[in-house]
Amino acid sequence: MSGFIRLVPMNAEQYERFEQRSLADYAEEKIQAGTWTVEEAPERAKESFATYLPQRLDTPHAHLYMLEYSGGAGQNPEEAGYIWFNITEGTQGKEAFLLDILVYDSYQGRGLGTLTMGALEQEARKLGAVRIGLHVFGHNERALHVYRKSGYRVTDIQMSKEI
């Protein structure tokens, strides 16, 4: 793993791309998890976004960044994905909650997920957070690996069985 990730606040055009991709990915994750049907997923995903990002890019407590990857000295930074987290007041102080993270396919397998989690930690700390929480779908083995590698531990498990 070489290079580094910098979190750069999204602009309006980047937000539009993020929202389109994130809505589609979230709907697909919910379908795969068996939570939503194919028919209802797009609308349910939109409702969820309206709840968590009511003012879109200008939603208070929502932090939306593009991942800017620099592979080394002399290389121009490249857009490698995005990350979205919210900061709220928790029982122990401010808490960050990771809502979406994506490293684009062409950047997968280079350790950028781990680099991004480190950048998230630095940014959340700068914003006063004392804890970072997240949800991960059980079928998302790649994400589970990155989160465990980054020091996250399981705090809750929900299970189901098709019968």
N, C-alpha and C. Protein backbone atom coordinates (compact mmCIF):
# COMPACT_ATOMS: atom_id res chain seq x y z
N MET A 1 0.86 -1.17 0.00
CA MET A 1 0.00 0.00 0.00
C MET A 1 0.90 1.23 0.00
N SER A 2 0.80 2.00 -1.06
CA SER A 2 1.57 3.23 -1.10
C SER A 2 0.63 4.37 -1.45
N GLY A 3 1.08 5.58 -1.20
CA GLY A 3 0.26 6.75 -1.48
C GLY A 3 -0.59 7.09 -0.29
N PHE A 4 -1.47 8.05 -0.50
CA PHE A 4 -2.35 8.46 0.59
C PHE A 4 -3.69 8.95 0.07
N ILE A 5 -4.65 8.99 0.97
CA ILE A 5 -6.02 9.44 0.68
C ILE A 5 -6.25 10.74 1.43
N ARG A 6 -6.85 11.68 0.73
CA ARG A 6 -7.25 12.95 1.34
C ARG A 6 -8.76 13.08 1.15
N LEU A 7 -9.46 13.51 2.20
CA LEU A 7 -10.90 13.73 2.11
C LEU A 7 -11.14 15.17 1.66
N VAL A 8 -11.80 15.32 0.52
CA VAL A 8 -12.06 16.64 -0.05
C VAL A 8 -13.57 16.86 -0.08
N PRO A 9 -14.08 17.93 0.55
CA PRO A 9 -15.53 18.16 0.56
C PRO A 9 -16.12 18.12 -0.86
N MET A 10 -17.27 17.46 -0.98
CA MET A 10 -17.94 17.34 -2.28
C MET A 10 -18.46 18.69 -2.74
N ASN A 11 -18.44 18.87 -4.06
CA ASN A 11 -19.12 20.02 -4.64
C ASN A 11 -20.49 19.54 -5.15
N ALA A 12 -21.31 20.44 -5.68
CA ALA A 12 -22.68 20.10 -6.09
C ALA A 12 -22.69 19.03 -7.19
N GLU A 13 -21.81 19.14 -8.16
CA GLU A 13 -21.77 18.18 -9.27
C GLU A 13 -21.36 16.81 -8.75
N GLN A 14 -20.39 16.75 -7.84
CA GLN A 14 -19.96 15.48 -7.25
C GLN A 14 -21.07 14.88 -6.40
N TYR A 15 -21.81 15.75 -5.69
CA TYR A 15 -22.91 15.26 -4.88
C TYR A 15 -23.96 14.55 -5.75
N GLU A 16 -24.29 15.13 -6.90
CA GLU A 16 -25.28 14.52 -7.80
C GLU A 16 -24.84 13.11 -8.19
N ARG A 17 -23.56 12.95 -8.54
CA ARG A 17 -23.04 11.62 -8.93
C ARG A 17 -23.07 10.67 -7.74
N PHE A 18 -22.66 11.18 -6.58
CA PHE A 18 -22.68 10.38 -5.35
C PHE A 18 -24.09 9.88 -5.05
N GLU A 19 -25.06 10.81 -5.08
CA GLU A 19 -26.43 10.44 -4.72
C GLU A 19 -26.98 9.37 -5.65
N GLN A 20 -26.77 9.53 -6.94
CA GLN A 20 -27.25 8.57 -7.92
C GLN A 20 -26.65 7.18 -7.66
N ARG A 21 -25.33 7.12 -7.48
CA ARG A 21 -24.65 5.85 -7.27
C ARG A 21 -25.01 5.25 -5.92
N SER A 22 -25.03 6.08 -4.88
CA SER A 22 -25.29 5.60 -3.53
C SER A 22 -26.72 5.06 -3.40
N LEU A 23 -27.69 5.75 -4.00
CA LEU A 23 -29.07 5.26 -3.98
C LEU A 23 -29.18 3.88 -4.62
N ALA A 24 -28.57 3.72 -5.78
CA ALA A 24 -28.62 2.44 -6.50
C ALA A 24 -27.92 1.34 -5.70
N ASP A 25 -26.75 1.65 -5.15
CA ASP A 25 -26.01 0.66 -4.37
C ASP A 25 -26.77 0.25 -3.10
N TYR A 26 -27.36 1.24 -2.41
CA TYR A 26 -28.09 0.97 -1.18
C TYR A 26 -29.31 0.08 -1.47
N ALA A 27 -30.05 0.41 -2.52
CA ALA A 27 -31.21 -0.39 -2.91
C ALA A 27 -30.77 -1.83 -3.20
N GLU A 28 -29.67 -1.99 -3.93
CA GLU A 28 -29.16 -3.32 -4.27
C GLU A 28 -28.73 -4.10 -3.02
N GLU A 29 -28.08 -3.43 -2.08
CA GLU A 29 -27.67 -4.08 -0.82
C GLU A 29 -28.89 -4.57 -0.05
N LYS A 30 -29.94 -3.75 0.00
CA LYS A 30 -31.16 -4.13 0.72
C LYS A 30 -31.86 -5.30 0.04
N ILE A 31 -31.81 -5.33 -1.29
CA ILE A 31 -32.39 -6.46 -2.03
C ILE A 31 -31.59 -7.73 -1.72
N GLN A 32 -30.25 -7.64 -1.81
CA GLN A 32 -29.40 -8.80 -1.52
C GLN A 32 -29.59 -9.32 -0.11
N ALA A 33 -29.79 -8.39 0.83
CA ALA A 33 -29.97 -8.79 2.23
C ALA A 33 -31.36 -9.38 2.46
N GLY A 34 -32.26 -9.26 1.48
CA GLY A 34 -33.61 -9.80 1.62
C GLY A 34 -34.54 -8.89 2.38
N THR A 35 -34.13 -7.63 2.60
CA THR A 35 -34.92 -6.68 3.38
C THR A 35 -36.01 -6.02 2.54
N TRP A 36 -35.67 -5.71 1.29
CA TRP A 36 -36.62 -5.06 0.38
C TRP A 36 -36.78 -5.88 -0.89
N THR A 37 -37.94 -5.73 -1.53
CA THR A 37 -38.16 -6.38 -2.83
C THR A 37 -37.54 -5.49 -3.93
N VAL A 38 -37.33 -6.09 -5.07
CA VAL A 38 -36.79 -5.36 -6.22
C VAL A 38 -37.71 -4.18 -6.57
N GLU A 39 -39.01 -4.41 -6.46
CA GLU A 39 -40.00 -3.39 -6.84
C GLU A 39 -39.97 -2.19 -5.89
N GLU A 40 -39.85 -2.44 -4.60
CA GLU A 40 -39.95 -1.34 -3.64
C GLU A 40 -38.61 -0.66 -3.34
N ALA A 41 -37.50 -1.31 -3.66
CA ALA A 41 -36.17 -0.83 -3.25
C ALA A 41 -35.84 0.60 -3.71
N PRO A 42 -36.04 0.96 -4.99
CA PRO A 42 -35.67 2.32 -5.39
C PRO A 42 -36.39 3.41 -4.59
N GLU A 43 -37.69 3.24 -4.36
CA GLU A 43 -38.46 4.24 -3.62
C GLU A 43 -38.06 4.27 -2.15
N ARG A 44 -37.85 3.09 -1.57
CA ARG A 44 -37.45 3.03 -0.15
C ARG A 44 -36.08 3.68 0.04
N ALA A 45 -35.17 3.48 -0.91
CA ALA A 45 -33.84 4.10 -0.82
C ALA A 45 -33.96 5.63 -0.86
N LYS A 46 -34.82 6.13 -1.74
CA LYS A 46 -35.05 7.59 -1.83
C LYS A 46 -35.61 8.13 -0.51
N GLU A 47 -36.54 7.40 0.09
CA GLU A 47 -37.11 7.81 1.38
C GLU A 47 -36.03 7.87 2.45
N SER A 48 -35.14 6.90 2.44
CA SER A 48 -34.06 6.86 3.41
C SER A 48 -33.13 8.06 3.24
N PHE A 49 -32.80 8.39 1.99
CA PHE A 49 -31.96 9.55 1.72
C PHE A 49 -32.64 10.83 2.19
N ALA A 50 -33.95 10.93 1.96
CA ALA A 50 -34.70 12.12 2.38
C ALA A 50 -34.66 12.28 3.90
N THR A 51 -34.60 11.16 4.61
CA THR A 51 -34.51 11.20 6.07
C THR A 51 -33.13 11.62 6.54
N TYR A 52 -32.08 11.01 5.97
CA TYR A 52 -30.71 11.26 6.43
C TYR A 52 -30.04 12.47 5.80
N LEU A 53 -30.49 12.85 4.60
CA LEU A 53 -29.92 14.03 3.92
C LEU A 53 -31.05 14.95 3.45
N PRO A 54 -31.87 15.46 4.39
CA PRO A 54 -33.03 16.27 3.98
C PRO A 54 -32.65 17.53 3.20
N GLN A 55 -31.46 18.07 3.48
CA GLN A 55 -31.00 19.26 2.76
C GLN A 55 -29.83 18.91 1.84
N ARG A 56 -29.80 17.63 1.48
CA ARG A 56 -28.79 17.12 0.56
C ARG A 56 -27.39 17.51 1.03
N LEU A 57 -26.61 18.15 0.19
CA LEU A 57 -25.22 18.50 0.52
C LEU A 57 -25.14 19.48 1.70
N ASP A 58 -26.21 20.24 1.94
CA ASP A 58 -26.22 21.25 3.01
C ASP A 58 -26.84 20.76 4.31
N THR A 59 -27.04 19.46 4.44
CA THR A 59 -27.64 18.90 5.65
C THR A 59 -26.69 19.09 6.83
N PRO A 60 -27.16 19.74 7.91
CA PRO A 60 -26.30 19.90 9.09
C PRO A 60 -25.87 18.52 9.62
N HIS A 61 -24.69 18.44 10.12
CA HIS A 61 -24.11 17.22 10.72
C HIS A 61 -23.73 16.15 9.70
N ALA A 62 -24.02 16.37 8.41
CA ALA A 62 -23.65 15.41 7.36
C ALA A 62 -22.33 15.86 6.75
N HIS A 63 -21.42 14.93 6.63
CA HIS A 63 -20.09 15.23 6.09
C HIS A 63 -19.86 14.33 4.88
N LEU A 64 -19.78 14.96 3.70
CA LEU A 64 -19.66 14.24 2.43
C LEU A 64 -18.38 14.65 1.75
N TYR A 65 -17.55 13.65 1.43
CA TYR A 65 -16.24 13.91 0.85
C TYR A 65 -15.97 13.01 -0.34
N MET A 66 -15.17 13.52 -1.25
CA MET A 66 -14.61 12.69 -2.30
C MET A 66 -13.27 12.17 -1.76
N LEU A 67 -12.89 10.97 -2.20
CA LEU A 67 -11.59 10.42 -1.83
C LEU A 67 -10.61 10.84 -2.92
N GLU A 68 -9.60 11.58 -2.51
CA GLU A 68 -8.57 12.01 -3.44
C GLU A 68 -7.32 11.17 -3.17
N TYR A 69 -6.95 10.36 -4.15
CA TYR A 69 -5.83 9.44 -3.99
C TYR A 69 -4.59 9.98 -4.70
N SER A 70 -3.50 10.02 -3.95
CA SER A 70 -2.20 10.36 -4.53
C SER A 70 -1.31 9.13 -4.37
N GLY A 71 -0.86 8.60 -5.49
CA GLY A 71 -0.09 7.36 -5.48
C GLY A 71 1.36 7.53 -5.10
N GLY A 72 1.86 8.74 -5.09
CA GLY A 72 3.26 8.96 -4.74
C GLY A 72 3.74 10.31 -5.23
N ALA A 73 5.00 10.58 -5.01
CA ALA A 73 5.59 11.86 -5.40
C ALA A 73 5.45 12.10 -6.89
N GLY A 74 5.03 13.30 -7.25
CA GLY A 74 4.93 13.68 -8.64
C GLY A 74 3.66 13.22 -9.34
N GLN A 75 2.83 12.43 -8.67
CA GLN A 75 1.58 11.97 -9.28
C GLN A 75 0.45 12.93 -8.95
N ASN A 76 -0.37 13.25 -9.94
CA ASN A 76 -1.53 14.10 -9.70
C ASN A 76 -2.58 13.33 -8.92
N PRO A 77 -3.24 13.98 -7.97
CA PRO A 77 -4.30 13.30 -7.21
C PRO A 77 -5.46 12.90 -8.14
N GLU A 78 -6.07 11.76 -7.83
CA GLU A 78 -7.18 11.24 -8.64
C GLU A 78 -8.38 10.98 -7.73
N GLU A 79 -9.57 11.18 -8.28
CA GLU A 79 -10.79 10.86 -7.54
C GLU A 79 -10.93 9.35 -7.49
N ALA A 80 -10.97 8.79 -6.29
CA ALA A 80 -10.97 7.34 -6.14
C ALA A 80 -12.23 6.79 -5.46
N GLY A 81 -13.17 7.67 -5.10
CA GLY A 81 -14.39 7.21 -4.44
C GLY A 81 -14.98 8.31 -3.60
N TYR A 82 -15.80 7.91 -2.63
CA TYR A 82 -16.44 8.89 -1.74
C TYR A 82 -16.71 8.28 -0.37
N ILE A 83 -17.02 9.17 0.57
CA ILE A 83 -17.38 8.75 1.92
C ILE A 83 -18.39 9.74 2.49
N TRP A 84 -19.33 9.20 3.27
CA TRP A 84 -20.36 10.03 3.91
C TRP A 84 -20.51 9.55 5.35
N PHE A 85 -20.39 10.49 6.27
CA PHE A 85 -20.66 10.18 7.67
C PHE A 85 -21.38 11.35 8.31
N ASN A 86 -22.14 11.05 9.34
CA ASN A 86 -22.83 12.08 10.12
C ASN A 86 -22.18 12.15 11.50
N ILE A 87 -22.25 13.33 12.10
CA ILE A 87 -21.77 13.49 13.48
C ILE A 87 -22.96 13.94 14.32
N THR A 88 -23.19 13.20 15.40
CA THR A 88 -24.30 13.53 16.31
C THR A 88 -23.78 13.48 17.74
N GLU A 89 -24.60 14.00 18.64
CA GLU A 89 -24.26 13.99 20.06
C GLU A 89 -24.68 12.64 20.63
N GLY A 90 -23.73 11.89 21.19
CA GLY A 90 -24.02 10.59 21.79
C GLY A 90 -23.90 10.66 23.30
N THR A 91 -24.05 9.53 23.96
CA THR A 91 -23.99 9.49 25.43
C THR A 91 -22.58 9.80 25.95
N GLN A 92 -21.55 9.46 25.18
CA GLN A 92 -20.16 9.68 25.60
C GLN A 92 -19.55 10.94 24.97
N GLY A 93 -20.34 11.68 24.19
CA GLY A 93 -19.83 12.83 23.46
C GLY A 93 -20.21 12.71 22.00
N LYS A 94 -19.52 13.47 21.16
CA LYS A 94 -19.83 13.43 19.73
C LYS A 94 -19.45 12.07 19.13
N GLU A 95 -20.35 11.57 18.27
CA GLU A 95 -20.11 10.29 17.60
C GLU A 95 -20.28 10.45 16.10
N ALA A 96 -19.37 9.85 15.36
CA ALA A 96 -19.49 9.81 13.91
C ALA A 96 -20.16 8.48 13.56
N PHE A 97 -20.98 8.49 12.53
CA PHE A 97 -21.58 7.26 12.03
C PHE A 97 -21.37 7.22 10.53
N LEU A 98 -20.67 6.19 10.07
CA LEU A 98 -20.36 6.01 8.66
C LEU A 98 -21.61 5.49 7.94
N LEU A 99 -22.11 6.27 6.99
CA LEU A 99 -23.30 5.87 6.26
C LEU A 99 -22.98 5.29 4.89
N ASP A 100 -21.91 5.76 4.25
CA ASP A 100 -21.56 5.20 2.95
C ASP A 100 -20.09 5.44 2.67
N ILE A 101 -19.49 4.44 2.07
CA ILE A 101 -18.09 4.53 1.64
C ILE A 101 -17.98 3.71 0.36
N LEU A 102 -17.28 4.27 -0.61
CA LEU A 102 -17.07 3.55 -1.85
C LEU A 102 -15.70 3.89 -2.41
N VAL A 103 -14.92 2.85 -2.64
CA VAL A 103 -13.68 2.98 -3.40
C VAL A 103 -14.03 2.43 -4.78
N TYR A 104 -13.86 3.27 -5.81
CA TYR A 104 -14.22 2.87 -7.17
C TYR A 104 -13.51 1.56 -7.55
N ASP A 105 -14.17 0.77 -8.39
CA ASP A 105 -13.66 -0.54 -8.80
C ASP A 105 -12.21 -0.49 -9.28
N SER A 106 -11.87 0.51 -10.08
CA SER A 106 -10.51 0.58 -10.64
C SER A 106 -9.44 0.84 -9.58
N TYR A 107 -9.85 1.17 -8.35
CA TYR A 107 -8.89 1.42 -7.27
C TYR A 107 -8.94 0.32 -6.21
N GLN A 108 -9.80 -0.69 -6.40
CA GLN A 108 -9.93 -1.77 -5.43
C GLN A 108 -8.65 -2.60 -5.37
N GLY A 109 -8.42 -3.21 -4.23
CA GLY A 109 -7.30 -4.12 -4.07
C GLY A 109 -5.95 -3.45 -3.86
N ARG A 110 -5.95 -2.15 -3.59
CA ARG A 110 -4.70 -1.41 -3.37
C ARG A 110 -4.56 -0.91 -1.94
N GLY A 111 -5.47 -1.33 -1.07
CA GLY A 111 -5.41 -0.88 0.32
C GLY A 111 -6.06 0.47 0.56
N LEU A 112 -6.81 0.98 -0.43
CA LEU A 112 -7.43 2.30 -0.27
C LEU A 112 -8.55 2.31 0.76
N GLY A 113 -9.22 1.16 0.93
CA GLY A 113 -10.27 1.09 1.96
C GLY A 113 -9.69 1.34 3.34
N THR A 114 -8.56 0.72 3.61
CA THR A 114 -7.89 0.90 4.91
C THR A 114 -7.37 2.34 5.06
N LEU A 115 -6.80 2.87 3.99
CA LEU A 115 -6.34 4.27 4.02
C LEU A 115 -7.51 5.21 4.27
N THR A 116 -8.64 4.94 3.64
CA THR A 116 -9.82 5.78 3.81
C THR A 116 -10.34 5.73 5.24
N MET A 117 -10.34 4.53 5.83
CA MET A 117 -10.80 4.42 7.22
C MET A 117 -9.89 5.22 8.15
N GLY A 118 -8.58 5.24 7.86
CA GLY A 118 -7.66 6.06 8.64
C GLY A 118 -7.95 7.55 8.47
N ALA A 119 -8.25 7.96 7.23
CA ALA A 119 -8.58 9.37 6.96
C ALA A 119 -9.89 9.74 7.64
N LEU A 120 -10.86 8.83 7.66
CA LEU A 120 -12.13 9.05 8.36
C LEU A 120 -11.87 9.29 9.84
N GLU A 121 -11.04 8.46 10.42
CA GLU A 121 -10.73 8.59 11.85
C GLU A 121 -10.12 9.96 12.16
N GLN A 122 -9.17 10.39 11.34
CA GLN A 122 -8.54 11.70 11.54
C GLN A 122 -9.56 12.82 11.43
N GLU A 123 -10.41 12.76 10.39
CA GLU A 123 -11.40 13.82 10.16
C GLU A 123 -12.43 13.85 11.28
N ALA A 124 -12.92 12.67 11.69
CA ALA A 124 -13.91 12.60 12.77
C ALA A 124 -13.33 13.15 14.07
N ARG A 125 -12.07 12.82 14.35
CA ARG A 125 -11.39 13.33 15.55
C ARG A 125 -11.30 14.86 15.49
N LYS A 126 -10.94 15.39 14.30
CA LYS A 126 -10.85 16.84 14.12
C LYS A 126 -12.19 17.52 14.39
N LEU A 127 -13.28 16.83 14.06
CA LEU A 127 -14.62 17.37 14.26
C LEU A 127 -15.14 17.11 15.67
N GLY A 128 -14.30 16.55 16.53
CA GLY A 128 -14.65 16.37 17.94
C GLY A 128 -15.26 15.03 18.30
N ALA A 129 -15.32 14.10 17.37
CA ALA A 129 -15.93 12.79 17.65
C ALA A 129 -15.00 11.95 18.53
N VAL A 130 -15.61 11.17 19.41
CA VAL A 130 -14.85 10.26 20.28
C VAL A 130 -15.08 8.80 19.91
N ARG A 131 -16.01 8.56 18.97
CA ARG A 131 -16.33 7.20 18.53
C ARG A 131 -16.83 7.24 17.10
N ILE A 132 -16.59 6.15 16.38
CA ILE A 132 -17.14 5.99 15.02
C ILE A 132 -17.92 4.69 15.00
N GLY A 133 -19.15 4.77 14.55
CA GLY A 133 -19.99 3.58 14.39
C GLY A 133 -20.28 3.36 12.92
N LEU A 134 -20.73 2.17 12.60
CA LEU A 134 -21.11 1.87 11.22
C LEU A 134 -21.99 0.64 11.20
N HIS A 135 -22.67 0.44 10.08
CA HIS A 135 -23.45 -0.77 9.83
C HIS A 135 -22.85 -1.42 8.60
N VAL A 136 -22.76 -2.72 8.61
CA VAL A 136 -22.28 -3.44 7.43
C VAL A 136 -23.20 -4.63 7.18
N PHE A 137 -23.56 -4.82 5.92
CA PHE A 137 -24.38 -5.98 5.57
C PHE A 137 -23.55 -7.24 5.71
N GLY A 138 -24.16 -8.29 6.25
CA GLY A 138 -23.45 -9.54 6.51
C GLY A 138 -22.81 -10.17 5.29
N HIS A 139 -23.39 -9.94 4.10
CA HIS A 139 -22.85 -10.55 2.88
C HIS A 139 -21.67 -9.76 2.31
N ASN A 140 -21.34 -8.62 2.90
CA ASN A 140 -20.28 -7.76 2.36
C ASN A 140 -18.93 -8.12 3.00
N GLU A 141 -18.38 -9.25 2.55
CA GLU A 141 -17.13 -9.77 3.13
C GLU A 141 -15.95 -8.79 2.99
N ARG A 142 -15.86 -8.13 1.86
CA ARG A 142 -14.75 -7.19 1.62
C ARG A 142 -14.78 -6.06 2.66
N ALA A 143 -15.97 -5.49 2.88
CA ALA A 143 -16.09 -4.40 3.87
C ALA A 143 -15.79 -4.92 5.28
N LEU A 144 -16.32 -6.09 5.61
CA LEU A 144 -16.06 -6.66 6.94
C LEU A 144 -14.56 -6.80 7.18
N HIS A 145 -13.84 -7.26 6.17
CA HIS A 145 -12.39 -7.42 6.28
C HIS A 145 -11.71 -6.07 6.55
N VAL A 146 -12.08 -5.05 5.78
CA VAL A 146 -11.47 -3.72 5.95
C VAL A 146 -11.77 -3.16 7.34
N TYR A 147 -13.02 -3.30 7.79
CA TYR A 147 -13.39 -2.75 9.10
C TYR A 147 -12.65 -3.47 10.23
N ARG A 148 -12.58 -4.78 10.15
CA ARG A 148 -11.84 -5.53 11.19
C ARG A 148 -10.37 -5.13 11.19
N LYS A 149 -9.78 -5.04 10.00
CA LYS A 149 -8.37 -4.65 9.86
C LYS A 149 -8.13 -3.25 10.44
N SER A 150 -9.16 -2.40 10.36
CA SER A 150 -9.05 -1.03 10.85
C SER A 150 -9.37 -0.91 12.35
N GLY A 151 -9.61 -2.04 13.01
CA GLY A 151 -9.81 -2.02 14.46
C GLY A 151 -11.25 -1.97 14.95
N TYR A 152 -12.21 -2.13 14.05
CA TYR A 152 -13.62 -2.11 14.46
C TYR A 152 -13.99 -3.48 15.01
N ARG A 153 -14.88 -3.47 16.00
CA ARG A 153 -15.34 -4.73 16.59
C ARG A 153 -16.86 -4.82 16.45
N VAL A 154 -17.36 -6.03 16.42
CA VAL A 154 -18.80 -6.25 16.31
C VAL A 154 -19.47 -5.83 17.61
N THR A 155 -20.54 -5.04 17.49
CA THR A 155 -21.28 -4.61 18.68
C THR A 155 -22.70 -5.17 18.69
N ASP A 156 -23.16 -5.70 17.55
CA ASP A 156 -24.53 -6.16 17.44
C ASP A 156 -24.60 -7.08 16.22
N ILE A 157 -25.33 -8.17 16.32
CA ILE A 157 -25.48 -9.06 15.17
C ILE A 157 -26.96 -9.37 14.99
N GLN A 158 -27.44 -9.19 13.79
CA GLN A 158 -28.81 -9.57 13.45
C GLN A 158 -28.71 -10.69 12.43
N MET A 159 -29.48 -11.74 12.61
CA MET A 159 -29.39 -12.90 11.72
C MET A 159 -30.75 -13.30 11.22
N SER A 160 -30.77 -14.04 10.11
CA SER A 160 -32.02 -14.60 9.60
C SER A 160 -31.72 -15.89 8.87
N LYS A 161 -32.78 -16.66 8.62
CA LYS A 161 -32.66 -17.92 7.89
C LYS A 161 -33.88 -18.06 7.01
N GLU A 162 -33.66 -18.40 5.74
CA GLU A 162 -34.78 -18.65 4.84
C GLU A 162 -35.33 -20.03 5.18
N ILE A 163 -36.67 -20.15 5.29
CA ILE A 163 -37.28 -21.44 5.62
C ILE A 163 -38.35 -21.83 4.60
